[in-house]
Amino acid sequence: MLEALRLDGRVAVVTGASRGLGRAMALALAESGADVALASRSKPDLEETAHQVERLGRRAVVIPTDVRVFAEMETLVGQTRQLLGRLDILVSSSGVAQVAPLAEMRPEEWLRILDTNLTGVFNGCRAVARHFLAARSGKVVNIASVLGAVGLPGYAAYAASKGGVIAFTKALAVEWARYNVQVNAIAPGWFVTDMNAEAFADEKIRERLLRDVPLRRTGRVEEIGPLVVYLASPASDFMTGQTIFLDGGHSAA
């Protein structure tokens, strides 16, 4: 059974790999045997992730990339195949958020969030399409959010982008099923990362956010690793079009 979770000889691209959940997923994939191409806009942080991957005995390449720009995603895919020899797995983890009442949100902020969180996912999938479909093999893991399924004031733009990722994942999974490419998503709940650490440092905000979580705690970044490995591995070959909520029960409450 455990052999089905091994990724030896596979190559993964992970966007948003410079920190937080993206870094945790990249390290989990490496620990399971994959070589990893690391992408985000922050080269120094990517290099730290690469050092950690290499300490696990796997190869890592750092390719600074803006996921909002399709040409850069094409370059990411091309360089990954050139430097690591192949490409089997795409994990789209890049994301941004801004908490603001909709009535006060500037249109350019709305577009920035959707361009990164949703168009970035499209750009990644579009960039790997030719390779995965020709190989009749591939794994896509898109990172959505529990806020794509439940409401929270101030998160309209973020929720719209992540709800879009959930819908996009379903449609693409059906489209690519005949090519033996599995497309799934992970919808994390509250994990403390650089993006939200300031908010969770405020006890009132922390209490308010965890009130909706039956387990009454945040996730630990290492808890996302086994799930991304499963979705990237042969163990999940019969699963496609699904969004798995890793949220302490938030979406069920």
C-alpha atoms as a PDB file:
ATOM      1  CA  MET A   1       0.000   0.000   0.000  1.00  0.00           C
ATOM      2  CA  LEU A   2       2.729   2.473   0.926  1.00  0.00           C
ATOM      3  CA  GLU A   3       4.453   1.894  -2.422  1.00  0.00           C
ATOM      4  CA  ALA A   4       1.431   3.484  -4.123  1.00  0.00           C
ATOM      5  CA  LEU A   5       2.281   6.723  -2.313  1.00  0.00           C
ATOM      6  CA  ARG A   6       5.881   6.829  -3.524  1.00  0.00           C
ATOM      7  CA  LEU A   7       6.849   9.441  -6.103  1.00  0.00           C
ATOM      8  CA  ASP A   8      10.314   8.186  -7.011  1.00  0.00           C
ATOM      9  CA  GLY A   9      11.272   9.284 -10.515  1.00  0.00           C
ATOM     10  CA  ARG A  10       8.458  11.858 -10.692  1.00  0.00           C
ATOM     11  CA  VAL A  11       8.887  15.606 -11.131  1.00  0.00           C
ATOM     12  CA  ALA A  12       6.561  18.197  -9.629  1.00  0.00           C
ATOM     13  CA  VAL A  13       6.087  21.912 -10.158  1.00  0.00           C
ATOM     14  CA  VAL A  14       4.895  23.740  -7.047  1.00  0.00           C
ATOM     15  CA  THR A  15       3.882  27.388  -7.338  1.00  0.00           C
ATOM     16  CA  GLY A  16       3.789  29.479  -4.204  1.00  0.00           C
ATOM     17  CA  ALA A  17       6.623  27.305  -2.894  1.00  0.00           C
ATOM     18  CA  SER A  18       8.514  30.117  -1.198  1.00  0.00           C
ATOM     19  CA  ARG A  19       6.804  29.748   2.185  1.00  0.00           C
ATOM     20  CA  GLY A  20       3.785  28.515   4.133  1.00  0.00           C
ATOM     21  CA  LEU A  21       1.649  25.729   2.723  1.00  0.00           C
ATOM     22  CA  GLY A  22       3.408  25.826  -0.644  1.00  0.00           C
ATOM     23  CA  ARG A  23       6.765  25.124   0.977  1.00  0.00           C
ATOM     24  CA  ALA A  24       5.252  22.395   3.160  1.00  0.00           C
ATOM     25  CA  MET A  25       3.763  20.665   0.117  1.00  0.00           C
ATOM     26  CA  ALA A  26       6.997  20.895  -1.856  1.00  0.00           C
ATOM     27  CA  LEU A  27       8.886  19.278   1.030  1.00  0.00           C
ATOM     28  CA  ALA A  28       6.279  16.527   1.390  1.00  0.00           C
ATOM     29  CA  LEU A  29       6.532  15.697  -2.315  1.00  0.00           C
ATOM     30  CA  ALA A  30      10.321  15.575  -2.037  1.00  0.00           C
ATOM     31  CA  GLU A  31      10.173  13.363   1.036  1.00  0.00           C
ATOM     32  CA  SER A  32       8.038  10.952  -0.966  1.00  0.00           C
ATOM     33  CA  GLY A  33      10.662  10.829  -3.711  1.00  0.00           C
ATOM     34  CA  ALA A  34       9.832  13.591  -6.210  1.00  0.00           C
ATOM     35  CA  ASP A  35      12.224  16.148  -7.643  1.00  0.00           C
ATOM     36  CA  VAL A  36      10.695  19.609  -7.455  1.00  0.00           C
ATOM     37  CA  ALA A  37      10.648  22.825  -9.490  1.00  0.00           C
ATOM     38  CA  LEU A  38       9.917  25.694  -7.117  1.00  0.00           C
ATOM     39  CA  ALA A  39       8.122  28.804  -8.313  1.00  0.00           C
ATOM     40  CA  SER A  40       7.004  32.116  -6.851  1.00  0.00           C
ATOM     41  CA  ARG A  41       8.123  35.732  -7.153  1.00  0.00           C
ATOM     42  CA  SER A  42      10.487  35.613  -4.131  1.00  0.00           C
ATOM     43  CA  LYS A  43      13.807  34.086  -5.181  1.00  0.00           C
ATOM     44  CA  PRO A  44      15.534  34.182  -1.755  1.00  0.00           C
ATOM     45  CA  ASP A  45      12.640  32.334  -0.102  1.00  0.00           C
ATOM     46  CA  LEU A  46      12.545  29.804  -2.948  1.00  0.00           C
ATOM     47  CA  GLU A  47      16.245  29.161  -2.458  1.00  0.00           C
ATOM     48  CA  GLU A  48      15.629  28.337   1.198  1.00  0.00           C
ATOM     49  CA  THR A  49      12.916  25.866   0.155  1.00  0.00           C
ATOM     50  CA  ALA A  50      15.357  24.385  -2.371  1.00  0.00           C
ATOM     51  CA  HIS A  51      17.985  23.874   0.344  1.00  0.00           C
ATOM     52  CA  GLN A  52      15.433  22.005   2.431  1.00  0.00           C
ATOM     53  CA  VAL A  53      14.437  19.817  -0.540  1.00  0.00           C
ATOM     54  CA  GLU A  54      18.083  18.995  -1.230  1.00  0.00           C
ATOM     55  CA  ARG A  55      18.616  18.025   2.396  1.00  0.00           C
ATOM     56  CA  LEU A  56      15.945  15.377   1.776  1.00  0.00           C
ATOM     57  CA  GLY A  57      18.090  13.977  -1.022  1.00  0.00           C
ATOM     58  CA  ARG A  58      16.027  15.237  -3.950  1.00  0.00           C
ATOM     59  CA  ARG A  59      16.796  17.677  -6.748  1.00  0.00           C
ATOM     60  CA  ALA A  60      15.308  21.171  -6.655  1.00  0.00           C
ATOM     61  CA  VAL A  61      15.363  23.999  -9.182  1.00  0.00           C
ATOM     62  CA  VAL A  62      14.370  27.584  -8.417  1.00  0.00           C
ATOM     63  CA  ILE A  63      12.425  29.349 -11.176  1.00  0.00           C
ATOM     64  CA  PRO A  64      11.047  32.767 -10.136  1.00  0.00           C
ATOM     65  CA  THR A  65       7.636  33.086 -11.769  1.00  0.00           C
ATOM     66  CA  ASP A  66       4.629  35.392 -11.744  1.00  0.00           C
ATOM     67  CA  VAL A  67       1.685  33.029 -12.107  1.00  0.00           C
ATOM     68  CA  ARG A  68      -0.461  35.879 -13.443  1.00  0.00           C
ATOM     69  CA  VAL A  69       1.596  35.931 -16.652  1.00  0.00           C
ATOM     70  CA  PHE A  70       0.957  32.985 -18.958  1.00  0.00           C
ATOM     71  CA  ALA A  71       4.283  33.352 -20.775  1.00  0.00           C
ATOM     72  CA  GLU A  72       6.121  32.992 -17.455  1.00  0.00           C
ATOM     73  CA  MET A  73       4.186  29.836 -16.663  1.00  0.00           C
ATOM     74  CA  GLU A  74       5.116  28.426 -20.069  1.00  0.00           C
ATOM     75  CA  THR A  75       8.734  29.209 -19.290  1.00  0.00           C
ATOM     76  CA  LEU A  76       8.407  27.503 -15.897  1.00  0.00           C
ATOM     77  CA  VAL A  77       7.098  24.326 -17.519  1.00  0.00           C
ATOM     78  CA  GLY A  78       9.734  24.377 -20.262  1.00  0.00           C
ATOM     79  CA  GLN A  79      12.625  24.927 -17.861  1.00  0.00           C
ATOM     80  CA  THR A  80      11.357  22.219 -15.531  1.00  0.00           C
ATOM     81  CA  ARG A  81      11.301  19.689 -18.336  1.00  0.00           C
ATOM     82  CA  GLN A  82      14.723  20.811 -19.537  1.00  0.00           C
ATOM     83  CA  LEU A  83      16.429  20.840 -16.121  1.00  0.00           C
ATOM     84  CA  LEU A  84      14.677  17.889 -14.446  1.00  0.00           C
ATOM     85  CA  GLY A  85      13.913  15.797 -17.510  1.00  0.00           C
ATOM     86  CA  ARG A  86      10.133  15.477 -17.271  1.00  0.00           C
ATOM     87  CA  LEU A  87       7.001  16.805 -15.571  1.00  0.00           C
ATOM     88  CA  ASP A  88       4.351  14.686 -13.873  1.00  0.00           C
ATOM     89  CA  ILE A  89       2.686  16.816 -11.188  1.00  0.00           C
ATOM     90  CA  LEU A  90       1.441  20.405 -10.985  1.00  0.00           C
ATOM     91  CA  VAL A  91       0.553  21.922  -7.616  1.00  0.00           C
ATOM     92  CA  SER A  92      -0.929  25.412  -7.961  1.00  0.00           C
ATOM     93  CA  SER A  93      -0.508  27.027  -4.561  1.00  0.00           C
ATOM     94  CA  SER A  94       0.195  30.711  -5.260  1.00  0.00           C
ATOM     95  CA  GLY A  95      -2.336  32.958  -3.580  1.00  0.00           C
ATOM     96  CA  VAL A  96      -2.975  36.402  -2.162  1.00  0.00           C
ATOM     97  CA  ALA A  97      -5.679  37.826   0.077  1.00  0.00           C
ATOM     98  CA  GLN A  98      -6.868  41.186   1.242  1.00  0.00           C
ATOM     99  CA  VAL A  99      -9.539  41.654   3.882  1.00  0.00           C
ATOM    100  CA  ALA A 100     -11.790  44.576   3.033  1.00  0.00           C
ATOM    101  CA  PRO A 101     -15.510  45.367   2.847  1.00  0.00           C
ATOM    102  CA  LEU A 102     -16.632  45.095  -0.746  1.00  0.00           C
ATOM    103  CA  ALA A 103     -17.949  48.667  -0.694  1.00  0.00           C
ATOM    104  CA  GLU A 104     -14.416  49.872   0.021  1.00  0.00           C
ATOM    105  CA  MET A 105     -12.452  47.542  -2.244  1.00  0.00           C
ATOM    106  CA  ARG A 106     -10.732  49.133  -5.209  1.00  0.00           C
ATOM    107  CA  PRO A 107     -11.433  47.404  -8.544  1.00  0.00           C
ATOM    108  CA  GLU A 108      -7.717  46.905  -9.128  1.00  0.00           C
ATOM    109  CA  GLU A 109      -7.476  44.958  -5.855  1.00  0.00           C
ATOM    110  CA  TRP A 110     -10.334  42.716  -6.950  1.00  0.00           C
ATOM    111  CA  LEU A 111      -8.512  42.018 -10.206  1.00  0.00           C
ATOM    112  CA  ARG A 112      -5.180  41.389  -8.449  1.00  0.00           C
ATOM    113  CA  ILE A 113      -6.736  38.724  -6.236  1.00  0.00           C
ATOM    114  CA  LEU A 114      -8.578  37.002  -9.072  1.00  0.00           C
ATOM    115  CA  ASP A 115      -5.565  37.186 -11.389  1.00  0.00           C
ATOM    116  CA  THR A 116      -3.322  35.482  -8.841  1.00  0.00           C
ATOM    117  CA  ASN A 117      -5.689  32.982  -7.259  1.00  0.00           C
ATOM    118  CA  LEU A 118      -7.822  31.952 -10.236  1.00  0.00           C
ATOM    119  CA  THR A 119      -6.141  33.038 -13.469  1.00  0.00           C
ATOM    120  CA  GLY A 120      -2.874  31.735 -12.015  1.00  0.00           C
ATOM    121  CA  VAL A 121      -4.455  28.279 -11.747  1.00  0.00           C
ATOM    122  CA  PHE A 122      -5.686  28.507 -15.337  1.00  0.00           C
ATOM    123  CA  ASN A 123      -2.241  29.596 -16.528  1.00  0.00           C
ATOM    124  CA  GLY A 124      -0.590  26.641 -14.825  1.00  0.00           C
ATOM    125  CA  CYS A 125      -3.034  24.108 -16.201  1.00  0.00           C
ATOM    126  CA  ARG A 126      -2.889  25.637 -19.659  1.00  0.00           C
ATOM    127  CA  ALA A 127       0.898  25.524 -19.599  1.00  0.00           C
ATOM    128  CA  VAL A 128       1.055  21.804 -18.726  1.00  0.00           C
ATOM    129  CA  ALA A 129      -1.859  20.823 -20.970  1.00  0.00           C
ATOM    130  CA  ARG A 130       0.114  19.859 -24.076  1.00  0.00           C
ATOM    131  CA  HIS A 131       2.562  17.732 -22.113  1.00  0.00           C
ATOM    132  CA  PHE A 132       0.077  15.948 -19.869  1.00  0.00           C
ATOM    133  CA  LEU A 133      -2.410  15.230 -22.646  1.00  0.00           C
ATOM    134  CA  ALA A 134       0.267  13.913 -24.998  1.00  0.00           C
ATOM    135  CA  ALA A 135       1.656  11.672 -22.245  1.00  0.00           C
ATOM    136  CA  ARG A 136      -1.870  10.604 -21.269  1.00  0.00           C
ATOM    137  CA  SER A 137      -0.748  10.973 -17.688  1.00  0.00           C
ATOM    138  CA  GLY A 138      -0.515  13.704 -15.071  1.00  0.00           C
ATOM    139  CA  LYS A 139      -1.640  14.940 -11.690  1.00  0.00           C
ATOM    140  CA  VAL A 140      -3.004  18.423 -11.013  1.00  0.00           C
ATOM    141  CA  VAL A 141      -3.588  19.642  -7.464  1.00  0.00           C
ATOM    142  CA  ASN A 142      -5.178  23.081  -7.180  1.00  0.00           C
ATOM    143  CA  ILE A 143      -5.256  24.891  -3.858  1.00  0.00           C
ATOM    144  CA  ALA A 144      -8.692  26.310  -3.092  1.00  0.00           C
ATOM    145  CA  SER A 145      -9.937  27.348   0.370  1.00  0.00           C
ATOM    146  CA  VAL A 146     -12.728  26.638   2.806  1.00  0.00           C
ATOM    147  CA  LEU A 147     -13.781  30.229   2.067  1.00  0.00           C
ATOM    148  CA  GLY A 148     -14.698  29.087  -1.421  1.00  0.00           C
ATOM    149  CA  ALA A 149     -17.601  27.256   0.231  1.00  0.00           C
ATOM    150  CA  VAL A 150     -18.495  29.263   3.354  1.00  0.00           C
ATOM    151  CA  GLY A 151     -19.032  32.993   3.800  1.00  0.00           C
ATOM    152  CA  LEU A 152     -16.986  35.416   5.882  1.00  0.00           C
ATOM    153  CA  PRO A 153     -17.321  39.218   5.806  1.00  0.00           C
ATOM    154  CA  GLY A 154     -14.446  41.014   4.148  1.00  0.00           C
ATOM    155  CA  TYR A 155     -13.412  38.074   1.982  1.00  0.00           C
ATOM    156  CA  ALA A 156     -15.658  38.502  -1.058  1.00  0.00           C
ATOM    157  CA  ALA A 157     -12.839  38.720  -3.595  1.00  0.00           C
ATOM    158  CA  TYR A 158     -10.826  35.917  -2.037  1.00  0.00           C
ATOM    159  CA  ALA A 159     -13.904  33.701  -1.715  1.00  0.00           C
ATOM    160  CA  ALA A 160     -14.883  34.342  -5.328  1.00  0.00           C
ATOM    161  CA  SER A 161     -11.413  33.378  -6.534  1.00  0.00           C
ATOM    162  CA  LYS A 162     -11.292  30.186  -4.472  1.00  0.00           C
ATOM    163  CA  GLY A 163     -14.862  29.213  -5.321  1.00  0.00           C
ATOM    164  CA  GLY A 164     -13.787  29.621  -8.926  1.00  0.00           C
ATOM    165  CA  VAL A 165     -10.906  27.209  -8.334  1.00  0.00           C
ATOM    166  CA  ILE A 166     -13.353  24.587  -7.026  1.00  0.00           C
ATOM    167  CA  ALA A 167     -15.613  24.938 -10.076  1.00  0.00           C
ATOM    168  CA  PHE A 168     -12.645  25.048 -12.461  1.00  0.00           C
ATOM    169  CA  THR A 169     -11.259  21.845 -10.924  1.00  0.00           C
ATOM    170  CA  LYS A 170     -14.517  19.975 -11.489  1.00  0.00           C
ATOM    171  CA  ALA A 171     -14.858  21.062 -15.110  1.00  0.00           C
ATOM    172  CA  LEU A 172     -11.237  20.386 -16.034  1.00  0.00           C
ATOM    173  CA  ALA A 173     -11.301  16.979 -14.354  1.00  0.00           C
ATOM    174  CA  VAL A 174     -14.183  15.908 -16.583  1.00  0.00           C
ATOM    175  CA  GLU A 175     -12.481  17.374 -19.656  1.00  0.00           C
ATOM    176  CA  TRP A 176      -9.160  15.631 -19.037  1.00  0.00           C
ATOM    177  CA  ALA A 177     -10.434  12.310 -17.665  1.00  0.00           C
ATOM    178  CA  ARG A 178     -10.193  10.636 -21.080  1.00  0.00           C
ATOM    179  CA  TYR A 179      -6.494  11.509 -21.129  1.00  0.00           C
ATOM    180  CA  ASN A 180      -5.894   9.792 -17.759  1.00  0.00           C
ATOM    181  CA  VAL A 181      -5.050  13.109 -16.092  1.00  0.00           C
ATOM    182  CA  GLN A 182      -6.479  13.548 -12.606  1.00  0.00           C
ATOM    183  CA  VAL A 183      -7.418  17.042 -11.442  1.00  0.00           C
ATOM    184  CA  ASN A 184      -8.298  17.586  -7.788  1.00  0.00           C
ATOM    185  CA  ALA A 185      -8.195  20.374  -5.229  1.00  0.00           C
ATOM    186  CA  ILE A 186      -7.395  20.873  -1.575  1.00  0.00           C
ATOM    187  CA  ALA A 187      -9.427  23.449   0.334  1.00  0.00           C
ATOM    188  CA  PRO A 188      -7.467  24.337   3.474  1.00  0.00           C
ATOM    189  CA  GLY A 189      -9.144  25.930   6.431  1.00  0.00           C
ATOM    190  CA  TRP A 190      -7.285  28.136   8.882  1.00  0.00           C
ATOM    191  CA  PHE A 191      -3.545  27.519   8.910  1.00  0.00           C
ATOM    192  CA  VAL A 192      -1.293  30.147  10.444  1.00  0.00           C
ATOM    193  CA  THR A 193       1.090  31.334   7.723  1.00  0.00           C
ATOM    194  CA  ASP A 194       2.876  34.571   6.881  1.00  0.00           C
ATOM    195  CA  MET A 195      -0.271  35.698   5.078  1.00  0.00           C
ATOM    196  CA  ASN A 196      -2.467  35.697   8.188  1.00  0.00           C
ATOM    197  CA  ALA A 197      -0.053  35.547  11.144  1.00  0.00           C
ATOM    198  CA  GLU A 198      -0.774  39.137  12.156  1.00  0.00           C
ATOM    199  CA  ALA A 199      -4.516  38.475  12.336  1.00  0.00           C
ATOM    200  CA  PHE A 200      -4.087  35.307  14.390  1.00  0.00           C
ATOM    201  CA  ALA A 201      -1.791  37.134  16.796  1.00  0.00           C
ATOM    202  CA  ASP A 202      -4.855  39.159  17.858  1.00  0.00           C
ATOM    203  CA  GLU A 203      -6.687  37.008  20.417  1.00  0.00           C
ATOM    204  CA  LYS A 204     -10.110  38.477  19.571  1.00  0.00           C
ATOM    205  CA  ILE A 205      -9.690  37.783  15.874  1.00  0.00           C
ATOM    206  CA  ARG A 206      -8.318  34.303  16.582  1.00  0.00           C
ATOM    207  CA  GLU A 207     -11.275  33.496  18.822  1.00  0.00           C
ATOM    208  CA  ARG A 208     -13.737  34.786  16.214  1.00  0.00           C
ATOM    209  CA  LEU A 209     -12.205  32.738  13.381  1.00  0.00           C
ATOM    210  CA  LEU A 210     -11.894  29.506  15.371  1.00  0.00           C
ATOM    211  CA  ARG A 211     -15.466  29.783  16.636  1.00  0.00           C
ATOM    212  CA  ASP A 212     -16.589  28.283  13.320  1.00  0.00           C
ATOM    213  CA  VAL A 213     -14.087  25.398  13.497  1.00  0.00           C
ATOM    214  CA  PRO A 214     -15.382  22.325  15.376  1.00  0.00           C
ATOM    215  CA  LEU A 215     -11.843  21.164  16.249  1.00  0.00           C
ATOM    216  CA  ARG A 216     -11.185  24.632  17.733  1.00  0.00           C
ATOM    217  CA  ARG A 217      -7.654  24.904  16.415  1.00  0.00           C
ATOM    218  CA  THR A 218      -5.704  25.920  13.359  1.00  0.00           C
ATOM    219  CA  GLY A 219      -4.078  23.399  11.098  1.00  0.00           C
ATOM    220  CA  ARG A 220      -0.369  22.613  11.288  1.00  0.00           C
ATOM    221  CA  VAL A 221       1.459  23.164   8.009  1.00  0.00           C
ATOM    222  CA  GLU A 222       2.848  19.624   8.050  1.00  0.00           C
ATOM    223  CA  GLU A 223      -0.725  18.260   8.051  1.00  0.00           C
ATOM    224  CA  ILE A 224      -1.216  19.215   4.398  1.00  0.00           C
ATOM    225  CA  GLY A 225       1.770  17.146   3.242  1.00  0.00           C
ATOM    226  CA  PRO A 226       0.248  13.639   3.322  1.00  0.00           C
ATOM    227  CA  LEU A 227      -2.810  14.849   1.431  1.00  0.00           C
ATOM    228  CA  VAL A 228      -0.892  16.448  -1.426  1.00  0.00           C
ATOM    229  CA  VAL A 229       1.278  13.333  -1.693  1.00  0.00           C
ATOM    230  CA  TYR A 230      -1.839  11.171  -1.960  1.00  0.00           C
ATOM    231  CA  LEU A 231      -3.329  13.362  -4.702  1.00  0.00           C
ATOM    232  CA  ALA A 232      -0.032  13.415  -6.596  1.00  0.00           C
ATOM    233  CA  SER A 233       0.547   9.668  -6.338  1.00  0.00           C
ATOM    234  CA  PRO A 234      -0.817   6.552  -8.080  1.00  0.00           C
ATOM    235  CA  ALA A 235      -2.906   5.912  -4.958  1.00  0.00           C
ATOM    236  CA  SER A 236      -5.410   8.538  -6.194  1.00  0.00           C
ATOM    237  CA  ASP A 237      -5.700   7.326  -9.798  1.00  0.00           C
ATOM    238  CA  PHE A 238      -9.453   6.739  -9.419  1.00  0.00           C
ATOM    239  CA  MET A 239     -10.119  10.158  -7.858  1.00  0.00           C
ATOM    240  CA  THR A 240     -10.724  13.207 -10.023  1.00  0.00           C
ATOM    241  CA  GLY A 241     -12.808  16.376  -9.865  1.00  0.00           C
ATOM    242  CA  GLN A 242     -12.852  16.386  -6.074  1.00  0.00           C
ATOM    243  CA  THR A 243     -12.141  19.122  -3.555  1.00  0.00           C
ATOM    244  CA  ILE A 244     -10.976  17.818  -0.184  1.00  0.00           C
ATOM    245  CA  PHE A 245     -11.586  20.178   2.724  1.00  0.00           C
ATOM    246  CA  LEU A 246      -8.741  20.125   5.232  1.00  0.00           C
ATOM    247  CA  ASP A 247     -10.383  22.510   7.653  1.00  0.00           C
ATOM    248  CA  GLY A 248     -11.008  21.019  11.100  1.00  0.00           C
ATOM    249  CA  GLY A 249     -14.681  20.565  10.226  1.00  0.00           C
ATOM    250  CA  HIS A 250     -15.310  24.210   9.295  1.00  0.00           C
ATOM    251  CA  SER A 251     -17.137  23.415   6.050  1.00  0.00           C
ATOM    252  CA  ALA A 252     -19.293  20.811   7.817  1.00  0.00           C
ATOM    253  CA  ALA A 253     -20.433  23.003  10.683  1.00  0.00           C
END
